[in-house]
Amino acid sequence: MTKKKILISIGIIFGVIFLAVVAYGFYLYKSVSDTASEIHQPIDRTTERRENAVDIENQEPLSFLITGVDSRGETHSGRSDTIIVMTVNPNQQSIKMVSIPRDTRTEIIGRGTIEKINHAYAYGGVEMSMDTVENFLDIPVDHYVSINMEGFKGLVDAVGGVTVDNDFSFTQSGHTFNEGEIYLDGEQALAFSRMRYEDPRGDFGRNDRQRQIVEAMVQEAAHIGSITRVGEILNVVGGSVRTDLSLDEMWKIQSNYRDARHTVEQMQISGSGTTIDGIYYFEVPDEEVARVRDELREHLELG
């Protein structure tokens, strides 16, 4: 083969590779855009707890409400059995996560009743949940992410599974979880996150396991290797997740806040169980609410 033919062949090969890369890039962009549009559910609400909206470009600390809705299929109706408040401070390169027990007794904003906090989602969706959590903790809740817990196992599988540190051995839904560091696929992760009756800490232990899985998913999704599973991830996300964030906001947060994932602190709310009119509630003392509020407000750099 002559030198000219060799150069032409090499040129054709590089041309094909270039076109393939461009086509794949277009596919990824379109897939991401389509998924972002599917999961984007903006809400019409204002919070009195911030004078101005968070400036993402200048990396101001912000907060999220993460709710896990225990429903079937792609519906996002029902009670929020998982309620996690996450604050992100890129200046400190840290994240704080606190689970609010679903039986927590508090005022449901928008109804004027004193009930379990997870009822807010059933009554008024994510808007009422955000308003109720804001009132309970006296902090602004800037954005939300709602996850259908049935689709939750698909998300875990899509990122390649997660590794968590299990405090003690137990069995749940036909799965045995040994003490120590364990790997979980989606079905195992769902069972792991739901167990509470064998845990001496009850909902507290359950909440800790849920936070562990959320944190592990954040870490796995941030790895370059996860990009190879982007199609699967996007398919699952489209059917399982809803958020008020637009695609542009998600890109900016990923770019400006990603280093915060390196330090994740899991907080816990203390309280005690009580029964009122035959209904079980989790009561959180005012001083405990104040402690959590002050720590979160400091992390959000609020006065």
C-alpha atoms as a PDB file:
ATOM      1  CA  MET A   1       0.000   0.000   0.000  1.00  0.00           C
ATOM      2  CA  THR A   2       1.387   3.416  -0.959  1.00  0.00           C
ATOM      3  CA  LYS A   3       2.009   6.172   1.589  1.00  0.00           C
ATOM      4  CA  LYS A   4      -0.842   8.196   0.094  1.00  0.00           C
ATOM      5  CA  LYS A   5      -3.310   5.321   0.504  1.00  0.00           C
ATOM      6  CA  ILE A   6      -2.134   4.765   4.073  1.00  0.00           C
ATOM      7  CA  LEU A   7      -2.721   8.430   4.894  1.00  0.00           C
ATOM      8  CA  ILE A   8      -6.167   8.292   3.270  1.00  0.00           C
ATOM      9  CA  SER A   9      -7.048   5.170   5.299  1.00  0.00           C
ATOM     10  CA  ILE A  10      -5.870   6.784   8.533  1.00  0.00           C
ATOM     11  CA  GLY A  11      -7.866   9.905   7.667  1.00  0.00           C
ATOM     12  CA  ILE A  12     -11.006   7.857   7.065  1.00  0.00           C
ATOM     13  CA  ILE A  13     -10.560   6.010  10.387  1.00  0.00           C
ATOM     14  CA  PHE A  14     -10.132   9.265  12.317  1.00  0.00           C
ATOM     15  CA  GLY A  15     -13.091  10.733  10.440  1.00  0.00           C
ATOM     16  CA  VAL A  16     -15.317   7.825  11.432  1.00  0.00           C
ATOM     17  CA  ILE A  17     -14.127   8.045  15.048  1.00  0.00           C
ATOM     18  CA  PHE A  18     -14.787  11.799  15.079  1.00  0.00           C
ATOM     19  CA  LEU A  19     -18.297  11.351  13.679  1.00  0.00           C
ATOM     20  CA  ALA A  20     -18.991   8.584  16.197  1.00  0.00           C
ATOM     21  CA  VAL A  21     -17.854  10.810  19.076  1.00  0.00           C
ATOM     22  CA  VAL A  22     -19.953  13.723  17.806  1.00  0.00           C
ATOM     23  CA  ALA A  23     -22.984  11.443  17.365  1.00  0.00           C
ATOM     24  CA  TYR A  24     -22.550   9.976  20.854  1.00  0.00           C
ATOM     25  CA  GLY A  25     -22.112  13.454  22.318  1.00  0.00           C
ATOM     26  CA  PHE A  26     -25.321  14.573  20.610  1.00  0.00           C
ATOM     27  CA  TYR A  27     -27.099  11.448  21.890  1.00  0.00           C
ATOM     28  CA  LEU A  28     -25.924  12.142  25.445  1.00  0.00           C
ATOM     29  CA  TYR A  29     -26.930  15.787  25.268  1.00  0.00           C
ATOM     30  CA  LYS A  30     -30.367  14.961  23.845  1.00  0.00           C
ATOM     31  CA  SER A  31     -30.885  12.133  26.355  1.00  0.00           C
ATOM     32  CA  VAL A  32     -29.881  14.350  29.265  1.00  0.00           C
ATOM     33  CA  SER A  33     -32.064  17.200  27.976  1.00  0.00           C
ATOM     34  CA  ASP A  34     -35.065  14.904  27.507  1.00  0.00           C
ATOM     35  CA  THR A  35     -34.644  13.399  30.981  1.00  0.00           C
ATOM     36  CA  ALA A  36     -34.173  16.817  32.572  1.00  0.00           C
ATOM     37  CA  SER A  37     -37.424  17.969  30.956  1.00  0.00           C
ATOM     38  CA  GLU A  38     -39.225  14.837  32.157  1.00  0.00           C
ATOM     39  CA  ILE A  39     -38.169  15.174  35.783  1.00  0.00           C
ATOM     40  CA  HIS A  40     -38.455  18.967  35.934  1.00  0.00           C
ATOM     41  CA  GLN A  41     -41.508  19.972  37.929  1.00  0.00           C
ATOM     42  CA  PRO A  42     -41.166  23.620  38.948  1.00  0.00           C
ATOM     43  CA  ILE A  43     -43.170  24.833  41.913  1.00  0.00           C
ATOM     44  CA  ASP A  44     -44.673  28.209  42.655  1.00  0.00           C
ATOM     45  CA  ARG A  45     -43.620  29.133  46.163  1.00  0.00           C
ATOM     46  CA  THR A  46     -41.685  31.826  47.987  1.00  0.00           C
ATOM     47  CA  THR A  47     -39.907  31.527  51.320  1.00  0.00           C
ATOM     48  CA  GLU A  48     -39.835  34.232  53.945  1.00  0.00           C
ATOM     49  CA  ARG A  49     -36.620  32.736  55.300  1.00  0.00           C
ATOM     50  CA  ARG A  50     -34.419  34.185  52.532  1.00  0.00           C
ATOM     51  CA  GLU A  51     -34.281  37.789  51.427  1.00  0.00           C
ATOM     52  CA  ASN A  52     -32.833  36.816  48.029  1.00  0.00           C
ATOM     53  CA  ALA A  53     -32.582  33.640  45.982  1.00  0.00           C
ATOM     54  CA  VAL A  54     -29.361  31.641  46.292  1.00  0.00           C
ATOM     55  CA  ASP A  55     -26.645  32.788  43.865  1.00  0.00           C
ATOM     56  CA  ILE A  56     -25.377  29.506  42.404  1.00  0.00           C
ATOM     57  CA  GLU A  57     -22.749  31.240  40.268  1.00  0.00           C
ATOM     58  CA  ASN A  58     -21.120  32.704  43.394  1.00  0.00           C
ATOM     59  CA  GLN A  59     -21.374  29.372  45.225  1.00  0.00           C
ATOM     60  CA  GLU A  60     -23.621  30.486  48.042  1.00  0.00           C
ATOM     61  CA  PRO A  61     -24.638  27.621  50.387  1.00  0.00           C
ATOM     62  CA  LEU A  62     -28.000  26.082  49.569  1.00  0.00           C
ATOM     63  CA  SER A  63     -30.398  23.456  50.883  1.00  0.00           C
ATOM     64  CA  PHE A  64     -32.445  20.573  49.503  1.00  0.00           C
ATOM     65  CA  LEU A  65     -35.404  18.576  50.714  1.00  0.00           C
ATOM     66  CA  ILE A  66     -35.089  14.937  49.626  1.00  0.00           C
ATOM     67  CA  THR A  67     -38.299  12.938  49.950  1.00  0.00           C
ATOM     68  CA  GLY A  68     -38.755   9.233  49.344  1.00  0.00           C
ATOM     69  CA  VAL A  69     -42.357   8.457  48.428  1.00  0.00           C
ATOM     70  CA  ASP A  70     -43.368   4.851  49.015  1.00  0.00           C
ATOM     71  CA  SER A  71     -45.599   4.444  45.966  1.00  0.00           C
ATOM     72  CA  ARG A  72     -45.939   2.018  43.070  1.00  0.00           C
ATOM     73  CA  GLY A  73     -45.090   2.562  39.415  1.00  0.00           C
ATOM     74  CA  GLU A  74     -44.119   6.082  38.348  1.00  0.00           C
ATOM     75  CA  THR A  75     -46.583   7.901  40.580  1.00  0.00           C
ATOM     76  CA  HIS A  76     -45.252  10.335  43.172  1.00  0.00           C
ATOM     77  CA  SER A  77     -48.367  10.475  45.331  1.00  0.00           C
ATOM     78  CA  GLY A  78     -48.636   9.183  48.875  1.00  0.00           C
ATOM     79  CA  ARG A  79     -46.847   9.870  52.139  1.00  0.00           C
ATOM     80  CA  SER A  80     -43.171  10.722  52.259  1.00  0.00           C
ATOM     81  CA  ASP A  81     -41.671   7.882  54.277  1.00  0.00           C
ATOM     82  CA  THR A  82     -38.187   9.346  53.868  1.00  0.00           C
ATOM     83  CA  ILE A  83     -37.557  13.024  54.682  1.00  0.00           C
ATOM     84  CA  ILE A  84     -33.964  14.242  54.454  1.00  0.00           C
ATOM     85  CA  VAL A  85     -32.765  17.834  54.646  1.00  0.00           C
ATOM     86  CA  MET A  86     -29.403  18.340  52.977  1.00  0.00           C
ATOM     87  CA  THR A  87     -27.375  21.553  53.212  1.00  0.00           C
ATOM     88  CA  VAL A  88     -24.405  22.113  50.896  1.00  0.00           C
ATOM     89  CA  ASN A  89     -21.593  24.559  51.630  1.00  0.00           C
ATOM     90  CA  PRO A  90     -18.995  24.700  48.818  1.00  0.00           C
ATOM     91  CA  ASN A  91     -16.852  27.174  50.766  1.00  0.00           C
ATOM     92  CA  GLN A  92     -16.366  24.616  53.536  1.00  0.00           C
ATOM     93  CA  GLN A  93     -16.486  21.766  50.991  1.00  0.00           C
ATOM     94  CA  SER A  94     -19.020  19.961  53.149  1.00  0.00           C
ATOM     95  CA  ILE A  95     -22.528  18.546  53.213  1.00  0.00           C
ATOM     96  CA  LYS A  96     -24.784  18.061  56.229  1.00  0.00           C
ATOM     97  CA  MET A  97     -27.684  15.631  56.105  1.00  0.00           C
ATOM     98  CA  VAL A  98     -30.397  15.234  58.694  1.00  0.00           C
ATOM     99  CA  SER A  99     -33.310  12.787  58.557  1.00  0.00           C
ATOM    100  CA  ILE A 100     -36.613  13.889  60.055  1.00  0.00           C
ATOM    101  CA  PRO A 101     -38.491  10.868  61.452  1.00  0.00           C
ATOM    102  CA  ARG A 102     -41.708  10.433  59.502  1.00  0.00           C
ATOM    103  CA  ASP A 103     -43.805  10.261  62.708  1.00  0.00           C
ATOM    104  CA  THR A 104     -42.513  13.636  63.954  1.00  0.00           C
ATOM    105  CA  ARG A 105     -45.399  15.645  65.412  1.00  0.00           C
ATOM    106  CA  THR A 106     -45.513  19.182  64.038  1.00  0.00           C
ATOM    107  CA  GLU A 107     -47.768  21.765  62.419  1.00  0.00           C
ATOM    108  CA  ILE A 108     -48.737  20.994  58.817  1.00  0.00           C
ATOM    109  CA  ILE A 109     -48.398  24.356  57.084  1.00  0.00           C
ATOM    110  CA  GLY A 110     -51.337  25.045  54.799  1.00  0.00           C
ATOM    111  CA  ARG A 111     -53.772  22.995  56.887  1.00  0.00           C
ATOM    112  CA  GLY A 112     -53.237  24.409  60.368  1.00  0.00           C
ATOM    113  CA  THR A 113     -53.288  20.972  61.964  1.00  0.00           C
ATOM    114  CA  ILE A 114     -50.800  19.220  64.259  1.00  0.00           C
ATOM    115  CA  GLU A 115     -49.997  15.842  62.715  1.00  0.00           C
ATOM    116  CA  LYS A 116     -47.214  13.546  61.594  1.00  0.00           C
ATOM    117  CA  ILE A 117     -44.827  15.422  59.332  1.00  0.00           C
ATOM    118  CA  ASN A 118     -45.076  12.866  56.532  1.00  0.00           C
ATOM    119  CA  HIS A 119     -48.782  13.670  56.104  1.00  0.00           C
ATOM    120  CA  ALA A 120     -47.816  16.999  54.508  1.00  0.00           C
ATOM    121  CA  TYR A 121     -46.799  15.309  51.259  1.00  0.00           C
ATOM    122  CA  ALA A 122     -50.068  13.377  51.039  1.00  0.00           C
ATOM    123  CA  TYR A 123     -52.119  16.534  51.619  1.00  0.00           C
ATOM    124  CA  GLY A 124     -50.264  19.038  49.468  1.00  0.00           C
ATOM    125  CA  GLY A 125     -47.384  17.385  47.674  1.00  0.00           C
ATOM    126  CA  VAL A 126     -43.839  18.636  47.790  1.00  0.00           C
ATOM    127  CA  GLU A 127     -44.881  22.291  48.242  1.00  0.00           C
ATOM    128  CA  MET A 128     -46.639  21.579  51.530  1.00  0.00           C
ATOM    129  CA  SER A 129     -43.749  19.359  52.618  1.00  0.00           C
ATOM    130  CA  MET A 130     -41.214  22.127  51.949  1.00  0.00           C
ATOM    131  CA  ASP A 131     -43.334  24.684  53.802  1.00  0.00           C
ATOM    132  CA  THR A 132     -43.807  22.323  56.750  1.00  0.00           C
ATOM    133  CA  VAL A 133     -40.101  21.423  56.997  1.00  0.00           C
ATOM    134  CA  GLU A 134     -39.142  25.092  56.747  1.00  0.00           C
ATOM    135  CA  ASN A 135     -41.482  25.919  59.603  1.00  0.00           C
ATOM    136  CA  PHE A 136     -40.300  22.970  61.702  1.00  0.00           C
ATOM    137  CA  LEU A 137     -36.560  23.737  61.397  1.00  0.00           C
ATOM    138  CA  ASP A 138     -36.784  27.496  60.722  1.00  0.00           C
ATOM    139  CA  ILE A 139     -34.410  27.276  57.755  1.00  0.00           C
ATOM    140  CA  PRO A 140     -34.980  28.007  54.063  1.00  0.00           C
ATOM    141  CA  VAL A 141     -35.501  24.997  51.797  1.00  0.00           C
ATOM    142  CA  ASP A 142     -34.258  26.076  48.382  1.00  0.00           C
ATOM    143  CA  HIS A 143     -34.878  23.041  46.177  1.00  0.00           C
ATOM    144  CA  TYR A 144     -36.422  19.600  46.304  1.00  0.00           C
ATOM    145  CA  VAL A 145     -35.734  16.135  44.943  1.00  0.00           C
ATOM    146  CA  SER A 146     -38.524  13.555  45.182  1.00  0.00           C
ATOM    147  CA  ILE A 147     -37.715   9.877  44.637  1.00  0.00           C
ATOM    148  CA  ASN A 148     -40.245   7.108  44.071  1.00  0.00           C
ATOM    149  CA  MET A 149     -38.943   4.403  46.435  1.00  0.00           C
ATOM    150  CA  GLU A 150     -39.918   1.600  44.023  1.00  0.00           C
ATOM    151  CA  GLY A 151     -37.692   3.239  41.424  1.00  0.00           C
ATOM    152  CA  PHE A 152     -35.024   3.752  44.057  1.00  0.00           C
ATOM    153  CA  LYS A 153     -33.648   0.236  43.511  1.00  0.00           C
ATOM    154  CA  GLY A 154     -33.307   0.987  39.796  1.00  0.00           C
ATOM    155  CA  LEU A 155     -31.231   4.058  40.597  1.00  0.00           C
ATOM    156  CA  VAL A 156     -28.882   2.000  42.770  1.00  0.00           C
ATOM    157  CA  ASP A 157     -28.473  -0.575  39.998  1.00  0.00           C
ATOM    158  CA  ALA A 158     -27.928   2.180  37.433  1.00  0.00           C
ATOM    159  CA  VAL A 159     -24.893   3.548  39.292  1.00  0.00           C
ATOM    160  CA  GLY A 160     -23.485   0.037  39.665  1.00  0.00           C
ATOM    161  CA  GLY A 161     -24.568  -0.679  43.245  1.00  0.00           C
ATOM    162  CA  VAL A 162     -23.366   0.892  46.477  1.00  0.00           C
ATOM    163  CA  THR A 163     -21.108  -0.027  49.367  1.00  0.00           C
ATOM    164  CA  VAL A 164     -22.183   0.786  52.938  1.00  0.00           C
ATOM    165  CA  ASP A 165     -20.989   0.040  56.468  1.00  0.00           C
ATOM    166  CA  ASN A 166     -23.564  -2.061  58.328  1.00  0.00           C
ATOM    167  CA  ASP A 167     -23.640  -1.761  62.146  1.00  0.00           C
ATOM    168  CA  PHE A 168     -25.052  -5.233  62.856  1.00  0.00           C
ATOM    169  CA  SER A 169     -26.274  -8.364  61.081  1.00  0.00           C
ATOM    170  CA  PHE A 170     -29.970  -8.684  60.242  1.00  0.00           C
ATOM    171  CA  THR A 171     -32.397 -10.214  57.762  1.00  0.00           C
ATOM    172  CA  GLN A 172     -34.992  -8.267  55.801  1.00  0.00           C
ATOM    173  CA  SER A 173     -37.266  -9.254  52.897  1.00  0.00           C
ATOM    174  CA  GLY A 174     -35.341 -12.477  52.334  1.00  0.00           C
ATOM    175  CA  HIS A 175     -31.931 -10.792  52.303  1.00  0.00           C
ATOM    176  CA  THR A 176     -29.237 -11.305  54.949  1.00  0.00           C
ATOM    177  CA  PHE A 177     -26.997  -8.331  55.700  1.00  0.00           C
ATOM    178  CA  ASN A 178     -23.758  -9.106  57.520  1.00  0.00           C
ATOM    179  CA  GLU A 179     -22.035  -6.713  59.882  1.00  0.00           C
ATOM    180  CA  GLY A 180     -19.311  -4.530  58.372  1.00  0.00           C
ATOM    181  CA  GLU A 181     -18.735  -3.205  54.867  1.00  0.00           C
ATOM    182  CA  ILE A 182     -21.192  -4.721  52.398  1.00  0.00           C
ATOM    183  CA  TYR A 183     -22.057  -4.238  48.734  1.00  0.00           C
ATOM    184  CA  LEU A 184     -25.724  -3.787  47.803  1.00  0.00           C
ATOM    185  CA  ASP A 185     -27.565  -3.999  44.511  1.00  0.00           C
ATOM    186  CA  GLY A 186     -30.840  -2.155  44.047  1.00  0.00           C
ATOM    187  CA  GLU A 187     -33.181  -4.748  45.537  1.00  0.00           C
ATOM    188  CA  GLN A 188     -30.872  -5.273  48.515  1.00  0.00           C
ATOM    189  CA  ALA A 189     -30.509  -1.516  49.038  1.00  0.00           C
ATOM    190  CA  LEU A 190     -34.292  -1.083  49.154  1.00  0.00           C
ATOM    191  CA  ALA A 191     -34.627  -3.850  51.746  1.00  0.00           C
ATOM    192  CA  PHE A 192     -31.637  -2.500  53.703  1.00  0.00           C
ATOM    193  CA  SER A 193     -33.174   0.979  53.836  1.00  0.00           C
ATOM    194  CA  ARG A 194     -36.611  -0.216  54.943  1.00  0.00           C
ATOM    195  CA  MET A 195     -35.681  -2.365  57.943  1.00  0.00           C
ATOM    196  CA  ARG A 196     -36.546  -0.919  61.356  1.00  0.00           C
ATOM    197  CA  TYR A 197     -38.266  -3.547  63.517  1.00  0.00           C
ATOM    198  CA  GLU A 198     -35.060  -5.493  64.242  1.00  0.00           C
ATOM    199  CA  ASP A 199     -33.163  -2.287  64.933  1.00  0.00           C
ATOM    200  CA  PRO A 200     -33.093  -1.258  68.624  1.00  0.00           C
ATOM    201  CA  ARG A 201     -33.025   2.357  67.420  1.00  0.00           C
ATOM    202  CA  GLY A 202     -36.165   1.909  65.325  1.00  0.00           C
ATOM    203  CA  ASP A 203     -36.674   4.760  62.869  1.00  0.00           C
ATOM    204  CA  PHE A 204     -33.319   6.297  63.810  1.00  0.00           C
ATOM    205  CA  GLY A 205     -31.483   3.240  62.553  1.00  0.00           C
ATOM    206  CA  ARG A 206     -33.659   3.172  59.442  1.00  0.00           C
ATOM    207  CA  ASN A 207     -32.928   6.827  58.773  1.00  0.00           C
ATOM    208  CA  ASP A 208     -29.182   6.268  59.158  1.00  0.00           C
ATOM    209  CA  ARG A 209     -29.280   3.469  56.589  1.00  0.00           C
ATOM    210  CA  GLN A 210     -31.241   5.632  54.159  1.00  0.00           C
ATOM    211  CA  ARG A 211     -28.730   8.460  54.510  1.00  0.00           C
ATOM    212  CA  GLN A 212     -25.871   6.008  53.981  1.00  0.00           C
ATOM    213  CA  ILE A 213     -27.368   4.846  50.696  1.00  0.00           C
ATOM    214  CA  VAL A 214     -28.076   8.394  49.489  1.00  0.00           C
ATOM    215  CA  GLU A 215     -24.502   9.397  50.316  1.00  0.00           C
ATOM    216  CA  ALA A 216     -23.100   6.279  48.591  1.00  0.00           C
ATOM    217  CA  MET A 217     -25.176   7.009  45.477  1.00  0.00           C
ATOM    218  CA  VAL A 218     -23.826  10.573  45.366  1.00  0.00           C
ATOM    219  CA  GLN A 219     -20.275   9.227  45.513  1.00  0.00           C
ATOM    220  CA  GLU A 220     -20.878   6.538  42.879  1.00  0.00           C
ATOM    221  CA  ALA A 221     -22.649   8.911  40.485  1.00  0.00           C
ATOM    222  CA  ALA A 222     -19.677  11.290  40.706  1.00  0.00           C
ATOM    223  CA  HIS A 223     -17.235   8.652  39.440  1.00  0.00           C
ATOM    224  CA  ILE A 224     -16.192   8.827  35.809  1.00  0.00           C
ATOM    225  CA  GLY A 225     -17.017   5.128  35.421  1.00  0.00           C
ATOM    226  CA  SER A 226     -20.700   5.896  35.921  1.00  0.00           C
ATOM    227  CA  ILE A 227     -20.779   7.782  32.606  1.00  0.00           C
ATOM    228  CA  THR A 228     -20.628   4.449  30.772  1.00  0.00           C
ATOM    229  CA  ARG A 229     -24.012   3.655  32.319  1.00  0.00           C
ATOM    230  CA  VAL A 230     -25.526   7.025  31.414  1.00  0.00           C
ATOM    231  CA  GLY A 231     -28.323   5.558  29.277  1.00  0.00           C
ATOM    232  CA  GLU A 232     -29.519   3.267  32.059  1.00  0.00           C
ATOM    233  CA  ILE A 233     -29.190   6.014  34.662  1.00  0.00           C
ATOM    234  CA  LEU A 234     -31.226   8.466  32.571  1.00  0.00           C
ATOM    235  CA  ASN A 235     -33.995   5.915  31.919  1.00  0.00           C
ATOM    236  CA  VAL A 236     -34.381   5.179  35.623  1.00  0.00           C
ATOM    237  CA  VAL A 237     -34.124   8.824  36.666  1.00  0.00           C
ATOM    238  CA  GLY A 238     -36.843   9.812  34.196  1.00  0.00           C
ATOM    239  CA  GLY A 239     -39.364   7.494  35.831  1.00  0.00           C
ATOM    240  CA  SER A 240     -38.284   7.797  39.455  1.00  0.00           C
ATOM    241  CA  VAL A 241     -37.161  11.354  40.204  1.00  0.00           C
ATOM    242  CA  ARG A 242     -38.844  14.763  40.232  1.00  0.00           C
ATOM    243  CA  THR A 243     -37.164  18.086  41.014  1.00  0.00           C
ATOM    244  CA  ASP A 244     -37.682  21.808  40.617  1.00  0.00           C
ATOM    245  CA  LEU A 245     -34.159  22.198  39.195  1.00  0.00           C
ATOM    246  CA  SER A 246     -33.788  22.965  35.507  1.00  0.00           C
ATOM    247  CA  LEU A 247     -31.030  21.380  33.413  1.00  0.00           C
ATOM    248  CA  ASP A 248     -29.050  24.628  33.468  1.00  0.00           C
ATOM    249  CA  GLU A 249     -29.280  24.808  37.269  1.00  0.00           C
ATOM    250  CA  MET A 250     -28.228  21.182  37.594  1.00  0.00           C
ATOM    251  CA  TRP A 251     -25.145  21.776  35.435  1.00  0.00           C
ATOM    252  CA  LYS A 252     -24.178  24.824  37.494  1.00  0.00           C
ATOM    253  CA  ILE A 253     -24.643  23.029  40.812  1.00  0.00           C
ATOM    254  CA  GLN A 254     -22.654  20.038  39.579  1.00  0.00           C
ATOM    255  CA  SER A 255     -19.857  22.339  38.460  1.00  0.00           C
ATOM    256  CA  ASN A 256     -19.783  24.737  41.415  1.00  0.00           C
ATOM    257  CA  TYR A 257     -20.707  22.462  44.340  1.00  0.00           C
ATOM    258  CA  ARG A 258     -19.299  19.018  43.528  1.00  0.00           C
ATOM    259  CA  ASP A 259     -16.263  19.290  45.843  1.00  0.00           C
ATOM    260  CA  ALA A 260     -18.611  19.526  48.832  1.00  0.00           C
ATOM    261  CA  ARG A 261     -19.321  15.780  48.533  1.00  0.00           C
ATOM    262  CA  HIS A 262     -15.900  14.933  49.992  1.00  0.00           C
ATOM    263  CA  THR A 263     -17.088  15.701  53.555  1.00  0.00           C
ATOM    264  CA  VAL A 264     -20.554  14.454  54.474  1.00  0.00           C
ATOM    265  CA  GLU A 265     -21.808  14.737  58.052  1.00  0.00           C
ATOM    266  CA  GLN A 266     -24.917  12.862  59.096  1.00  0.00           C
ATOM    267  CA  MET A 267     -26.892  14.565  61.864  1.00  0.00           C
ATOM    268  CA  GLN A 268     -29.584  13.048  64.046  1.00  0.00           C
ATOM    269  CA  ILE A 269     -32.693  14.497  65.678  1.00  0.00           C
ATOM    270  CA  SER A 270     -33.368  13.228  69.196  1.00  0.00           C
ATOM    271  CA  GLY A 271     -36.769  12.889  70.790  1.00  0.00           C
ATOM    272  CA  SER A 272     -39.164  10.383  72.270  1.00  0.00           C
ATOM    273  CA  GLY A 273     -42.264   8.471  71.294  1.00  0.00           C
ATOM    274  CA  THR A 274     -45.684   9.319  72.645  1.00  0.00           C
ATOM    275  CA  THR A 275     -49.276   8.239  71.999  1.00  0.00           C
ATOM    276  CA  ILE A 276     -52.041  10.832  71.656  1.00  0.00           C
ATOM    277  CA  ASP A 277     -55.650   9.747  71.066  1.00  0.00           C
ATOM    278  CA  GLY A 278     -54.370   6.283  70.177  1.00  0.00           C
ATOM    279  CA  ILE A 279     -51.917   7.572  67.540  1.00  0.00           C
ATOM    280  CA  TYR A 280     -48.149   7.202  67.873  1.00  0.00           C
ATOM    281  CA  TYR A 281     -46.023  10.333  67.400  1.00  0.00           C
ATOM    282  CA  PHE A 282     -42.363  11.219  67.687  1.00  0.00           C
ATOM    283  CA  GLU A 283     -41.994  14.342  69.849  1.00  0.00           C
ATOM    284  CA  VAL A 284     -38.921  16.538  69.399  1.00  0.00           C
ATOM    285  CA  PRO A 285     -38.188  18.921  72.311  1.00  0.00           C
ATOM    286  CA  ASP A 286     -37.909  22.628  71.454  1.00  0.00           C
ATOM    287  CA  GLU A 287     -34.263  22.738  72.560  1.00  0.00           C
ATOM    288  CA  GLU A 288     -33.423  19.870  70.214  1.00  0.00           C
ATOM    289  CA  VAL A 289     -35.109  21.596  67.291  1.00  0.00           C
ATOM    290  CA  ALA A 290     -33.124  24.737  68.169  1.00  0.00           C
ATOM    291  CA  ARG A 291     -29.845  22.788  68.221  1.00  0.00           C
ATOM    292  CA  VAL A 292     -30.423  21.311  64.758  1.00  0.00           C
ATOM    293  CA  ARG A 293     -31.720  24.630  63.423  1.00  0.00           C
ATOM    294  CA  ASP A 294     -28.650  26.555  64.636  1.00  0.00           C
ATOM    295  CA  GLU A 295     -26.222  24.023  63.155  1.00  0.00           C
ATOM    296  CA  LEU A 296     -27.947  24.044  59.778  1.00  0.00           C
ATOM    297  CA  ARG A 297     -28.266  27.831  59.701  1.00  0.00           C
ATOM    298  CA  GLU A 298     -24.571  28.173  60.476  1.00  0.00           C
ATOM    299  CA  HIS A 299     -23.753  25.752  57.667  1.00  0.00           C
ATOM    300  CA  LEU A 300     -25.935  27.832  55.325  1.00  0.00           C
ATOM    301  CA  GLU A 301     -24.067  30.951  56.523  1.00  0.00           C
ATOM    302  CA  LEU A 302     -27.275  32.605  57.674  1.00  0.00           C
ATOM    303  CA  GLY A 303     -27.310  35.146  60.455  1.00  0.00           C
END
